[in-house]
Amino acid sequence: MTIKIQSVHFDADKKLVEFIQERIDKLTHYYDGIISSDVTLRLDKSSTVDNKVAEIKVHIAGNDLFAKKNCKSFEEAVDTTIDALKIQVKKHKEKIQGI
């Protein structure tokens, strides 16, 4: 699976990139038909502490799944976004299998 990580107006460090890759790779445990994924990390211009935004688009044959979350850290934002995507991936797999 191809993972494209884009950080807007900052450079993501190696630890963060590895963390994201590890989390996204775990999605293949739920459904092995994932082709690729696009991750966008950016800082929101708001006065609140929840200004780290993670957007993840997962490309699956037939359609794309998308989730976006705002949190205090990029790691937390990626984790909650992956949790939302897990639910979408499971629903998509059940739909294909006709369950």
PDB file of N, CA and C in Angstrom:
ATOM      1  N   MET A   1       0.844  -1.172   0.000  1.00  0.00           N
ATOM      2  CA  MET A   1       0.000   0.000   0.000  1.00  0.00           C
ATOM      3  C   MET A   1       0.892   1.239   0.000  1.00  0.00           C
ATOM      4  N   THR A   2       0.528   2.210  -0.810  1.00  0.00           N
ATOM      5  CA  THR A   2       1.266   3.454  -0.904  1.00  0.00           C
ATOM      6  C   THR A   2       0.686   4.464   0.082  1.00  0.00           C
ATOM      7  N   ILE A   3       1.552   5.088   0.860  1.00  0.00           N
ATOM      8  CA  ILE A   3       1.123   6.096   1.822  1.00  0.00           C
ATOM      9  C   ILE A   3       1.816   7.402   1.470  1.00  0.00           C
ATOM     10  N   LYS A   4       1.015   8.424   1.194  1.00  0.00           N
ATOM     11  CA  LYS A   4       1.560   9.741   0.858  1.00  0.00           C
ATOM     12  C   LYS A   4       1.256  10.677   2.023  1.00  0.00           C
ATOM     13  N   ILE A   5       2.297  11.213   2.641  1.00  0.00           N
ATOM     14  CA  ILE A   5       2.134  12.095   3.795  1.00  0.00           C
ATOM     15  C   ILE A   5       2.547  13.504   3.393  1.00  0.00           C
ATOM     16  N   GLN A   6       1.650  14.448   3.633  1.00  0.00           N
ATOM     17  CA  GLN A   6       1.913  15.848   3.294  1.00  0.00           C
ATOM     18  C   GLN A   6       1.696  16.686   4.546  1.00  0.00           C
ATOM     19  N   SER A   7       2.695  17.454   4.919  1.00  0.00           N
ATOM     20  CA  SER A   7       2.546  18.372   6.041  1.00  0.00           C
ATOM     21  C   SER A   7       2.565  19.793   5.491  1.00  0.00           C
ATOM     22  N   VAL A   8       1.534  20.545   5.829  1.00  0.00           N
ATOM     23  CA  VAL A   8       1.345  21.884   5.287  1.00  0.00           C
ATOM     24  C   VAL A   8       2.020  22.918   6.191  1.00  0.00           C
ATOM     25  N   HIS A   9       2.932  23.683   5.659  1.00  0.00           N
ATOM     26  CA  HIS A   9       3.645  24.776   6.321  1.00  0.00           C
ATOM     27  C   HIS A   9       4.541  24.328   7.474  1.00  0.00           C
ATOM     28  N   PHE A  10       4.922  23.062   7.513  1.00  0.00           N
ATOM     29  CA  PHE A  10       5.917  22.596   8.464  1.00  0.00           C
ATOM     30  C   PHE A  10       6.462  21.258   7.963  1.00  0.00           C
ATOM     31  N   ASP A  11       7.575  20.831   8.531  1.00  0.00           N
ATOM     32  CA  ASP A  11       8.172  19.552   8.164  1.00  0.00           C
ATOM     33  C   ASP A  11       7.905  18.548   9.278  1.00  0.00           C
ATOM     34  N   ALA A  12       7.252  17.447   8.932  1.00  0.00           N
ATOM     35  CA  ALA A  12       6.985  16.393   9.908  1.00  0.00           C
ATOM     36  C   ALA A  12       8.284  15.645  10.183  1.00  0.00           C
ATOM     37  N   ASP A  13       8.565  15.406  11.459  1.00  0.00           N
ATOM     38  CA  ASP A  13       9.791  14.686  11.790  1.00  0.00           C
ATOM     39  C   ASP A  13       9.642  13.190  11.500  1.00  0.00           C
ATOM     40  N   LYS A  14      10.770  12.510  11.503  1.00  0.00           N
ATOM     41  CA  LYS A  14      10.815  11.100  11.118  1.00  0.00           C
ATOM     42  C   LYS A  14       9.948  10.239  12.038  1.00  0.00           C
ATOM     43  N   LYS A  15       9.943  10.550  13.336  1.00  0.00           N
ATOM     44  CA  LYS A  15       9.154   9.790  14.299  1.00  0.00           C
ATOM     45  C   LYS A  15       7.661   9.871  13.985  1.00  0.00           C
ATOM     46  N   LEU A  16       7.196  11.051  13.633  1.00  0.00           N
ATOM     47  CA  LEU A  16       5.777  11.244  13.307  1.00  0.00           C
ATOM     48  C   LEU A  16       5.413  10.495  12.031  1.00  0.00           C
ATOM     49  N   VAL A  17       6.266  10.543  11.034  1.00  0.00           N
ATOM     50  CA  VAL A  17       6.026   9.843   9.770  1.00  0.00           C
ATOM     51  C   VAL A  17       5.958   8.338  10.002  1.00  0.00           C
ATOM     52  N   GLU A  18       6.879   7.798  10.794  1.00  0.00           N
ATOM     53  CA  GLU A  18       6.873   6.365  11.096  1.00  0.00           C
ATOM     54  C   GLU A  18       5.627   5.974  11.880  1.00  0.00           C
ATOM     55  N   PHE A  19       5.210   6.834  12.810  1.00  0.00           N
ATOM     56  CA  PHE A  19       4.001   6.596  13.597  1.00  0.00           C
ATOM     57  C   PHE A  19       2.780   6.498  12.687  1.00  0.00           C
ATOM     58  N   ILE A  20       2.670   7.431  11.743  1.00  0.00           N
ATOM     59  CA  ILE A  20       1.536   7.453  10.817  1.00  0.00           C
ATOM     60  C   ILE A  20       1.538   6.202   9.940  1.00  0.00           C
ATOM     61  N   GLN A  21       2.696   5.843   9.405  1.00  0.00           N
ATOM     62  CA  GLN A  21       2.789   4.662   8.548  1.00  0.00           C
ATOM     63  C   GLN A  21       2.399   3.394   9.299  1.00  0.00           C
ATOM     64  N   GLU A  22       2.837   3.287  10.535  1.00  0.00           N
ATOM     65  CA  GLU A  22       2.514   2.114  11.352  1.00  0.00           C
ATOM     66  C   GLU A  22       1.004   2.019  11.590  1.00  0.00           C
ATOM     67  N   ARG A  23       0.370   3.135  11.906  1.00  0.00           N
ATOM     68  CA  ARG A  23      -1.075   3.149  12.179  1.00  0.00           C
ATOM     69  C   ARG A  23      -1.885   2.824  10.917  1.00  0.00           C
ATOM     70  N   ILE A  24      -1.496   3.381   9.791  1.00  0.00           N
ATOM     71  CA  ILE A  24      -2.240   3.140   8.554  1.00  0.00           C
ATOM     72  C   ILE A  24      -2.052   1.701   8.086  1.00  0.00           C
ATOM     73  N   ASP A  25      -0.867   1.152   8.275  1.00  0.00           N
ATOM     74  CA  ASP A  25      -0.632  -0.246   7.899  1.00  0.00           C
ATOM     75  C   ASP A  25      -1.555  -1.189   8.657  1.00  0.00           C
ATOM     76  N   LYS A  26      -1.959  -0.824   9.863  1.00  0.00           N
ATOM     77  CA  LYS A  26      -2.853  -1.668  10.651  1.00  0.00           C
ATOM     78  C   LYS A  26      -4.256  -1.742  10.044  1.00  0.00           C
ATOM     79  N   LEU A  27      -4.615  -0.773   9.206  1.00  0.00           N
ATOM     80  CA  LEU A  27      -5.927  -0.819   8.544  1.00  0.00           C
ATOM     81  C   LEU A  27      -6.041  -2.016   7.609  1.00  0.00           C
ATOM     82  N   THR A  28      -4.918  -2.491   7.099  1.00  0.00           N
ATOM     83  CA  THR A  28      -4.960  -3.635   6.186  1.00  0.00           C
ATOM     84  C   THR A  28      -5.356  -4.920   6.903  1.00  0.00           C
ATOM     85  N   HIS A  29      -5.307  -4.933   8.241  1.00  0.00           N
ATOM     86  CA  HIS A  29      -5.771  -6.098   9.000  1.00  0.00           C
ATOM     87  C   HIS A  29      -7.287  -6.248   8.873  1.00  0.00           C
ATOM     88  N   TYR A  30      -7.971  -5.132   8.679  1.00  0.00           N
ATOM     89  CA  TYR A  30      -9.431  -5.153   8.591  1.00  0.00           C
ATOM     90  C   TYR A  30      -9.928  -5.376   7.168  1.00  0.00           C
ATOM     91  N   TYR A  31      -9.159  -4.878   6.192  1.00  0.00           N
ATOM     92  CA  TYR A  31      -9.541  -5.032   4.793  1.00  0.00           C
ATOM     93  C   TYR A  31      -8.279  -4.935   3.947  1.00  0.00           C
ATOM     94  N   ASP A  32      -7.999  -5.982   3.159  1.00  0.00           N
ATOM     95  CA  ASP A  32      -6.754  -5.997   2.390  1.00  0.00           C
ATOM     96  C   ASP A  32      -6.894  -5.381   1.002  1.00  0.00           C
ATOM     97  N   GLY A  33      -8.037  -4.788   0.692  1.00  0.00           N
ATOM     98  CA  GLY A  33      -8.249  -4.172  -0.607  1.00  0.00           C
ATOM     99  C   GLY A  33      -7.890  -2.700  -0.657  1.00  0.00           C
ATOM    100  N   ILE A  34      -7.162  -2.224   0.338  1.00  0.00           N
ATOM    101  CA  ILE A  34      -6.765  -0.810   0.362  1.00  0.00           C
ATOM    102  C   ILE A  34      -5.620  -0.605  -0.625  1.00  0.00           C
ATOM    103  N   ILE A  35      -5.816   0.336  -1.540  1.00  0.00           N
ATOM    104  CA  ILE A  35      -4.826   0.594  -2.585  1.00  0.00           C
ATOM    105  C   ILE A  35      -3.755   1.574  -2.098  1.00  0.00           C
ATOM    106  N   SER A  36      -4.203   2.713  -1.605  1.00  0.00           N
ATOM    107  CA  SER A  36      -3.268   3.729  -1.128  1.00  0.00           C
ATOM    108  C   SER A  36      -3.975   4.647  -0.145  1.00  0.00           C
ATOM    109  N   SER A  37      -3.210   5.546   0.451  1.00  0.00           N
ATOM    110  CA  SER A  37      -3.803   6.516   1.363  1.00  0.00           C
ATOM    111  C   SER A  37      -3.040   7.833   1.282  1.00  0.00           C
ATOM    112  N   ASP A  38      -3.775   8.911   1.482  1.00  0.00           N
ATOM    113  CA  ASP A  38      -3.203  10.254   1.502  1.00  0.00           C
ATOM    114  C   ASP A  38      -3.426  10.849   2.880  1.00  0.00           C
ATOM    115  N   VAL A  39      -2.355  11.329   3.505  1.00  0.00           N
ATOM    116  CA  VAL A  39      -2.440  11.933   4.828  1.00  0.00           C
ATOM    117  C   VAL A  39      -2.020  13.387   4.704  1.00  0.00           C
ATOM    118  N   THR A  40      -2.848  14.283   5.236  1.00  0.00           N
ATOM    119  CA  THR A  40      -2.519  15.701   5.249  1.00  0.00           C
ATOM    120  C   THR A  40      -2.515  16.173   6.696  1.00  0.00           C
ATOM    121  N   LEU A  41      -1.407  16.756   7.121  1.00  0.00           N
ATOM    122  CA  LEU A  41      -1.270  17.308   8.459  1.00  0.00           C
ATOM    123  C   LEU A  41      -1.131  18.809   8.338  1.00  0.00           C
ATOM    124  N   ARG A  42      -1.877  19.529   9.181  1.00  0.00           N
ATOM    125  CA  ARG A  42      -1.757  20.991   9.136  1.00  0.00           C
ATOM    126  C   ARG A  42      -2.141  21.586  10.476  1.00  0.00           C
ATOM    127  N   LEU A  43      -1.707  22.812  10.681  1.00  0.00           N
ATOM    128  CA  LEU A  43      -2.050  23.557  11.880  1.00  0.00           C
ATOM    129  C   LEU A  43      -3.205  24.498  11.552  1.00  0.00           C
ATOM    130  N   ASP A  44      -4.244  24.444  12.366  1.00  0.00           N
ATOM    131  CA  ASP A  44      -5.380  25.342  12.193  1.00  0.00           C
ATOM    132  C   ASP A  44      -5.037  26.694  12.795  1.00  0.00           C
ATOM    133  N   LYS A  45      -5.551  27.747  12.203  1.00  0.00           N
ATOM    134  CA  LYS A  45      -5.314  29.077  12.748  1.00  0.00           C
ATOM    135  C   LYS A  45      -6.450  29.441  13.689  1.00  0.00           C
ATOM    136  N   SER A  46      -6.473  28.749  14.820  1.00  0.00           N
ATOM    137  CA  SER A  46      -7.487  29.044  15.824  1.00  0.00           C
ATOM    138  C   SER A  46      -6.797  29.261  17.163  1.00  0.00           C
ATOM    139  N   SER A  47      -7.502  29.876  18.086  1.00  0.00           N
ATOM    140  CA  SER A  47      -6.909  30.182  19.379  1.00  0.00           C
ATOM    141  C   SER A  47      -7.036  29.022  20.367  1.00  0.00           C
ATOM    142  N   THR A  48      -7.720  27.955  19.984  1.00  0.00           N
ATOM    143  CA  THR A  48      -7.875  26.814  20.883  1.00  0.00           C
ATOM    144  C   THR A  48      -6.651  25.902  20.814  1.00  0.00           C
ATOM    145  N   VAL A  49      -6.520  25.008  21.792  1.00  0.00           N
ATOM    146  CA  VAL A  49      -5.377  24.092  21.804  1.00  0.00           C
ATOM    147  C   VAL A  49      -5.569  22.949  20.817  1.00  0.00           C
ATOM    148  N   ASP A  50      -6.808  22.693  20.384  1.00  0.00           N
ATOM    149  CA  ASP A  50      -7.091  21.629  19.420  1.00  0.00           C
ATOM    150  C   ASP A  50      -6.885  22.142  17.994  1.00  0.00           C
ATOM    151  N   ASN A  51      -5.639  22.575  17.704  1.00  0.00           N
ATOM    152  CA  ASN A  51      -5.387  23.175  16.396  1.00  0.00           C
ATOM    153  C   ASN A  51      -4.585  22.292  15.458  1.00  0.00           C
ATOM    154  N   LYS A  52      -4.307  21.035  15.852  1.00  0.00           N
ATOM    155  CA  LYS A  52      -3.609  20.108  14.967  1.00  0.00           C
ATOM    156  C   LYS A  52      -4.648  19.291  14.214  1.00  0.00           C
ATOM    157  N   VAL A  53      -4.576  19.319  12.879  1.00  0.00           N
ATOM    158  CA  VAL A  53      -5.586  18.668  12.042  1.00  0.00           C
ATOM    159  C   VAL A  53      -4.928  17.543  11.253  1.00  0.00           C
ATOM    160  N   ALA A  54      -5.580  16.378  11.283  1.00  0.00           N
ATOM    161  CA  ALA A  54      -5.141  15.239  10.476  1.00  0.00           C
ATOM    162  C   ALA A  54      -6.292  14.838   9.565  1.00  0.00           C
ATOM    163  N   GLU A  55      -6.021  14.809   8.268  1.00  0.00           N
ATOM    164  CA  GLU A  55      -7.007  14.372   7.275  1.00  0.00           C
ATOM    165  C   GLU A  55      -6.421  13.147   6.575  1.00  0.00           C
ATOM    166  N   ILE A  56      -7.194  12.070   6.536  1.00  0.00           N
ATOM    167  CA  ILE A  56      -6.719  10.852   5.886  1.00  0.00           C
ATOM    168  C   ILE A  56      -7.765  10.383   4.893  1.00  0.00           C
ATOM    169  N   LYS A  57      -7.320  10.165   3.666  1.00  0.00           N
ATOM    170  CA  LYS A  57      -8.174   9.620   2.611  1.00  0.00           C
ATOM    171  C   LYS A  57      -7.608   8.261   2.233  1.00  0.00           C
ATOM    172  N   VAL A  58      -8.456   7.237   2.317  1.00  0.00           N
ATOM    173  CA  VAL A  58      -8.049   5.873   1.990  1.00  0.00           C
ATOM    174  C   VAL A  58      -8.701   5.492   0.669  1.00  0.00           C
ATOM    175  N   HIS A  59      -7.897   5.091  -0.299  1.00  0.00           N
ATOM    176  CA  HIS A  59      -8.392   4.719  -1.618  1.00  0.00           C
ATOM    177  C   HIS A  59      -8.647   3.222  -1.657  1.00  0.00           C
ATOM    178  N   ILE A  60      -9.902   2.866  -1.928  1.00  0.00           N
ATOM    179  CA  ILE A  60     -10.330   1.481  -2.041  1.00  0.00           C
ATOM    180  C   ILE A  60     -10.974   1.335  -3.409  1.00  0.00           C
ATOM    181  N   ALA A  61     -10.841   0.174  -4.008  1.00  0.00           N
ATOM    182  CA  ALA A  61     -11.450  -0.046  -5.322  1.00  0.00           C
ATOM    183  C   ALA A  61     -12.944   0.282  -5.247  1.00  0.00           C
ATOM    184  N   GLY A  62     -13.369   1.197  -6.075  1.00  0.00           N
ATOM    185  CA  GLY A  62     -14.774   1.569  -6.112  1.00  0.00           C
ATOM    186  C   GLY A  62     -15.062   2.922  -5.491  1.00  0.00           C
ATOM    187  N   ASN A  63     -14.404   3.252  -4.376  1.00  0.00           N
ATOM    188  CA  ASN A  63     -14.628   4.556  -3.754  1.00  0.00           C
ATOM    189  C   ASN A  63     -13.503   4.886  -2.782  1.00  0.00           C
ATOM    190  N   ASP A  64     -13.596   6.046  -2.149  1.00  0.00           N
ATOM    191  CA  ASP A  64     -12.612   6.501  -1.186  1.00  0.00           C
ATOM    192  C   ASP A  64     -13.276   6.689   0.172  1.00  0.00           C
ATOM    193  N   LEU A  65     -12.524   6.451   1.217  1.00  0.00           N
ATOM    194  CA  LEU A  65     -12.989   6.699   2.569  1.00  0.00           C
ATOM    195  C   LEU A  65     -12.203   7.879   3.109  1.00  0.00           C
ATOM    196  N   PHE A  66     -12.853   8.730   3.910  1.00  0.00           N
ATOM    197  CA  PHE A  66     -12.217   9.956   4.372  1.00  0.00           C
ATOM    198  C   PHE A  66     -12.576  10.223   5.822  1.00  0.00           C
ATOM    199  N   ALA A  67     -11.602  10.712   6.577  1.00  0.00           N
ATOM    200  CA  ALA A  67     -11.842  11.139   7.954  1.00  0.00           C
ATOM    201  C   ALA A  67     -10.928  12.311   8.269  1.00  0.00           C
ATOM    202  N   LYS A  68     -11.422  13.199   9.137  1.00  0.00           N
ATOM    203  CA  LYS A  68     -10.673  14.395   9.518  1.00  0.00           C
ATOM    204  C   LYS A  68     -10.939  14.666  10.996  1.00  0.00           C
ATOM    205  N   LYS A  69      -9.885  14.923  11.753  1.00  0.00           N
ATOM    206  CA  LYS A  69     -10.024  15.187  13.182  1.00  0.00           C
ATOM    207  C   LYS A  69      -9.092  16.304  13.619  1.00  0.00           C
ATOM    208  N   ASN A  70      -9.534  17.081  14.619  1.00  0.00           N
ATOM    209  CA  ASN A  70      -8.728  18.122  15.255  1.00  0.00           C
ATOM    210  C   ASN A  70      -8.411  17.675  16.670  1.00  0.00           C
ATOM    211  N   CYS A  71      -7.156  17.785  17.085  1.00  0.00           N
ATOM    212  CA  CYS A  71      -6.753  17.385  18.439  1.00  0.00           C
ATOM    213  C   CYS A  71      -5.605  18.268  18.927  1.00  0.00           C
ATOM    214  N   LYS A  72      -5.136  17.952  20.149  1.00  0.00           N
ATOM    215  CA  LYS A  72      -4.046  18.713  20.749  1.00  0.00           C
ATOM    216  C   LYS A  72      -2.689  18.362  20.158  1.00  0.00           C
ATOM    217  N   SER A  73      -2.531  17.123  19.675  1.00  0.00           N
ATOM    218  CA  SER A  73      -1.265  16.703  19.070  1.00  0.00           C
ATOM    219  C   SER A  73      -1.559  15.960  17.770  1.00  0.00           C
ATOM    220  N   PHE A  74      -0.561  15.890  16.920  1.00  0.00           N
ATOM    221  CA  PHE A  74      -0.746  15.186  15.652  1.00  0.00           C
ATOM    222  C   PHE A  74      -0.932  13.687  15.880  1.00  0.00           C
ATOM    223  N   GLU A  75      -0.240  13.144  16.873  1.00  0.00           N
ATOM    224  CA  GLU A  75      -0.382  11.718  17.166  1.00  0.00           C
ATOM    225  C   GLU A  75      -1.817  11.391  17.572  1.00  0.00           C
ATOM    226  N   GLU A  76      -2.382  12.211  18.449  1.00  0.00           N
ATOM    227  CA  GLU A  76      -3.768  12.001  18.889  1.00  0.00           C
ATOM    228  C   GLU A  76      -4.734  12.173  17.724  1.00  0.00           C
ATOM    229  N   ALA A  77      -4.480  13.166  16.879  1.00  0.00           N
ATOM    230  CA  ALA A  77      -5.347  13.405  15.716  1.00  0.00           C
ATOM    231  C   ALA A  77      -5.303  12.220  14.756  1.00  0.00           C
ATOM    232  N   VAL A  78      -4.117  11.679  14.522  1.00  0.00           N
ATOM    233  CA  VAL A  78      -3.977  10.519  13.633  1.00  0.00           C
ATOM    234  C   VAL A  78      -4.681   9.311  14.244  1.00  0.00           C
ATOM    235  N   ASP A  79      -4.500   9.096  15.542  1.00  0.00           N
ATOM    236  CA  ASP A  79      -5.152   7.956  16.211  1.00  0.00           C
ATOM    237  C   ASP A  79      -6.669   8.016  16.092  1.00  0.00           C
ATOM    238  N   THR A  80      -7.267   9.166  16.377  1.00  0.00           N
ATOM    239  CA  THR A  80      -8.727   9.271  16.310  1.00  0.00           C
ATOM    240  C   THR A  80      -9.223   9.180  14.871  1.00  0.00           C
ATOM    241  N   THR A  81      -8.442   9.691  13.938  1.00  0.00           N
ATOM    242  CA  THR A  81      -8.816   9.590  12.526  1.00  0.00           C
ATOM    243  C   THR A  81      -8.775   8.131  12.070  1.00  0.00           C
ATOM    244  N   ILE A  82      -7.751   7.400  12.479  1.00  0.00           N
ATOM    245  CA  ILE A  82      -7.640   5.974  12.134  1.00  0.00           C
ATOM    246  C   ILE A  82      -8.797   5.192  12.752  1.00  0.00           C
ATOM    247  N   ASP A  83      -9.184   5.535  13.978  1.00  0.00           N
ATOM    248  CA  ASP A  83     -10.330   4.863  14.610  1.00  0.00           C
ATOM    249  C   ASP A  83     -11.599   5.062  13.790  1.00  0.00           C
ATOM    250  N   ALA A  84     -11.807   6.275  13.291  1.00  0.00           N
ATOM    251  CA  ALA A  84     -12.975   6.556  12.458  1.00  0.00           C
ATOM    252  C   ALA A  84     -12.894   5.776  11.143  1.00  0.00           C
ATOM    253  N   LEU A  85     -11.701   5.674  10.589  1.00  0.00           N
ATOM    254  CA  LEU A  85     -11.525   4.946   9.337  1.00  0.00           C
ATOM    255  C   LEU A  85     -11.709   3.439   9.523  1.00  0.00           C
ATOM    256  N   LYS A  86     -11.332   2.910  10.698  1.00  0.00           N
ATOM    257  CA  LYS A  86     -11.536   1.489  10.973  1.00  0.00           C
ATOM    258  C   LYS A  86     -13.012   1.134  10.843  1.00  0.00           C
ATOM    259  N   ILE A  87     -13.857   1.974  11.404  1.00  0.00           N
ATOM    260  CA  ILE A  87     -15.301   1.743  11.331  1.00  0.00           C
ATOM    261  C   ILE A  87     -15.770   1.766   9.880  1.00  0.00           C
ATOM    262  N   GLN A  88     -15.298   2.751   9.114  1.00  0.00           N
ATOM    263  CA  GLN A  88     -15.682   2.853   7.706  1.00  0.00           C
ATOM    264  C   GLN A  88     -15.198   1.648   6.904  1.00  0.00           C
ATOM    265  N   VAL A  89     -13.968   1.207   7.174  1.00  0.00           N
ATOM    266  CA  VAL A  89     -13.402   0.063   6.456  1.00  0.00           C
ATOM    267  C   VAL A  89     -14.193  -1.199   6.770  1.00  0.00           C
ATOM    268  N   LYS A  90     -14.530  -1.396   8.045  1.00  0.00           N
ATOM    269  CA  LYS A  90     -15.317  -2.573   8.436  1.00  0.00           C
ATOM    270  C   LYS A  90     -16.689  -2.563   7.765  1.00  0.00           C
ATOM    271  N   LYS A  91     -17.344  -1.392   7.737  1.00  0.00           N
ATOM    272  CA  LYS A  91     -18.653  -1.286   7.085  1.00  0.00           C
ATOM    273  C   LYS A  91     -18.544  -1.576   5.592  1.00  0.00           C
ATOM    274  N   HIS A  92     -17.492  -1.068   4.964  1.00  0.00           N
ATOM    275  CA  HIS A  92     -17.291  -1.295   3.536  1.00  0.00           C
ATOM    276  C   HIS A  92     -17.084  -2.775   3.253  1.00  0.00           C
ATOM    277  N   LYS A  93     -16.302  -3.450   4.090  1.00  0.00           N
ATOM    278  CA  LYS A  93     -16.034  -4.877   3.913  1.00  0.00           C
ATOM    279  C   LYS A  93     -17.312  -5.676   4.083  1.00  0.00           C
ATOM    280  N   GLU A  94     -18.130  -5.330   5.080  1.00  0.00           N
ATOM    281  CA  GLU A  94     -19.399  -6.028   5.306  1.00  0.00           C
ATOM    282  C   GLU A  94     -20.343  -5.813   4.124  1.00  0.00           C
ATOM    283  N   LYS A  95     -20.343  -4.616   3.589  1.00  0.00           N
ATOM    284  CA  LYS A  95     -21.198  -4.297   2.442  1.00  0.00           C
ATOM    285  C   LYS A  95     -20.807  -5.132   1.228  1.00  0.00           C
ATOM    286  N   ILE A  96     -19.515  -5.278   1.007  1.00  0.00           N
ATOM    287  CA  ILE A  96     -19.031  -6.062  -0.138  1.00  0.00           C
ATOM    288  C   ILE A  96     -19.354  -7.536   0.059  1.00  0.00           C
ATOM    289  N   GLN A  97     -19.204  -8.030   1.276  1.00  0.00           N
ATOM    290  CA  GLN A  97     -19.448  -9.435   1.553  1.00  0.00           C
ATOM    291  C   GLN A  97     -20.947  -9.745   1.655  1.00  0.00           C
ATOM    292  N   GLY A  98     -21.769  -8.717   1.721  1.00  0.00           N
ATOM    293  CA  GLY A  98     -23.207  -8.920   1.771  1.00  0.00           C
ATOM    294  C   GLY A  98     -23.717  -9.353   3.139  1.00  0.00           C
ATOM    295  N   ILE A  99     -23.008  -8.961   4.180  1.00  0.00           N
ATOM    296  CA  ILE A  99     -23.418  -9.336   5.547  1.00  0.00           C
ATOM    297  C   ILE A  99     -24.463  -8.364   6.047  1.00  0.00           C
TER     298      ILE A  99
END
